């Protein structure tokens, strides 16, 4: 079961890579908090239920804790539909 979830997450990541015109090396070359990486990281759990530790490592975004902070920060600064 977990393998199927990981395969789905990997497909999502590689599909986004292709859509963004990035290569695997771009993940390492770009900063941990790159807005495109944060956006992708926010999409991975929704579609796959992968742990944040896996996402942080796969997208070269530092630790799980730092990724959590980046995602919270992105949500706080996102436009609110109630404004």
Protein backbone atom coordinates (compact mmCIF):
# COMPACT_ATOMS: atom_id res chain seq x y z
CA UNK A 1 0.00 0.00 0.00
CA UNK A 2 2.73 2.48 1.01
CA UNK A 3 4.63 1.66 -2.19
CA UNK A 4 1.60 2.57 -4.28
CA UNK A 5 1.31 5.91 -2.46
CA UNK A 6 5.00 6.61 -3.01
CA UNK A 7 4.74 5.73 -6.72
CA UNK A 8 1.79 8.14 -7.05
CA UNK A 9 3.74 10.88 -5.25
CA UNK A 10 6.77 10.30 -7.45
CA UNK A 11 4.63 10.53 -10.59
CA UNK A 12 3.16 13.81 -9.37
CA UNK A 13 6.63 15.24 -8.70
CA UNK A 14 8.11 14.13 -12.01
CA UNK A 15 5.04 15.37 -13.89
CA UNK A 16 5.38 18.80 -12.24
CA UNK A 17 9.09 18.83 -13.02
CA UNK A 18 8.32 18.35 -16.66
CA UNK A 19 5.53 20.96 -16.63
CA UNK A 20 7.84 23.51 -14.97
CA UNK A 21 10.68 22.75 -17.39
CA UNK A 22 12.95 21.73 -14.53
CA UNK A 23 15.36 18.83 -14.17
CA UNK A 24 16.26 16.89 -11.05
CA UNK A 25 19.31 19.13 -10.64
CA UNK A 26 17.05 22.18 -10.38
CA UNK A 27 15.66 20.95 -7.06
CA UNK A 28 19.12 21.00 -5.52
CA UNK A 29 20.20 24.18 -7.28
CA UNK A 30 17.23 26.30 -6.22
CA UNK A 31 16.85 27.58 -2.69
CA UNK A 32 14.87 25.53 -0.18
CA UNK A 33 12.10 28.13 0.02
CA UNK A 34 11.74 28.70 -3.73
CA UNK A 35 8.06 29.61 -4.28
CA UNK A 36 7.65 26.95 -6.99
CA UNK A 37 9.03 24.27 -4.65
CA UNK A 38 6.73 25.41 -1.83
CA UNK A 39 3.73 25.29 -4.16
CA UNK A 40 4.66 21.78 -5.31
CA UNK A 41 5.24 20.64 -1.73
CA UNK A 42 1.75 21.85 -0.82
CA UNK A 43 0.26 19.79 -3.66
CA UNK A 44 2.03 16.50 -2.91
CA UNK A 45 0.28 15.62 0.38
CA UNK A 46 -3.16 16.43 -0.99
CA UNK A 47 -2.78 14.01 -3.89
CA UNK A 48 -0.75 11.32 -2.17
CA UNK A 49 -0.75 11.45 1.65
CA UNK A 50 3.07 11.29 1.72
CA UNK A 51 4.82 12.32 4.94
CA UNK A 52 6.38 15.77 5.06
CA UNK A 53 9.80 14.23 5.71
CA UNK A 54 9.64 12.43 2.34
CA UNK A 55 8.50 15.59 0.56
CA UNK A 56 11.22 17.73 2.16
CA UNK A 57 13.91 15.24 1.14
CA UNK A 58 12.53 14.62 -2.37
CA UNK A 59 12.23 18.33 -3.19
CA UNK A 60 15.54 19.28 -1.48
CA UNK A 61 13.76 21.59 0.95
CA UNK A 62 15.65 20.87 4.16
CA UNK A 63 14.05 19.32 7.21
CA UNK A 64 10.43 18.38 7.80
CA UNK A 65 10.20 21.20 10.34
CA UNK A 66 11.48 23.79 7.91
CA UNK A 67 9.06 22.58 5.25
CA UNK A 68 6.21 22.85 7.76
CA UNK A 69 7.22 26.45 8.47
CA UNK A 70 7.39 27.25 4.73
CA UNK A 71 3.92 25.78 4.13
CA UNK A 72 2.39 27.66 7.08
CA UNK A 73 4.01 30.88 5.91
CA UNK A 74 2.67 30.34 2.39
CA UNK A 75 -0.86 29.79 3.74
CA UNK A 76 -0.68 32.94 5.87
CA UNK A 77 0.37 35.05 2.89
CA UNK A 78 -2.05 33.48 0.43
CA UNK A 79 -4.94 35.69 -0.67
CA UNK A 80 -8.01 35.02 1.41
CA UNK A 81 -11.36 34.52 -0.34
CA UNK A 82 -12.93 36.47 2.55
CA UNK A 83 -11.06 39.75 1.98
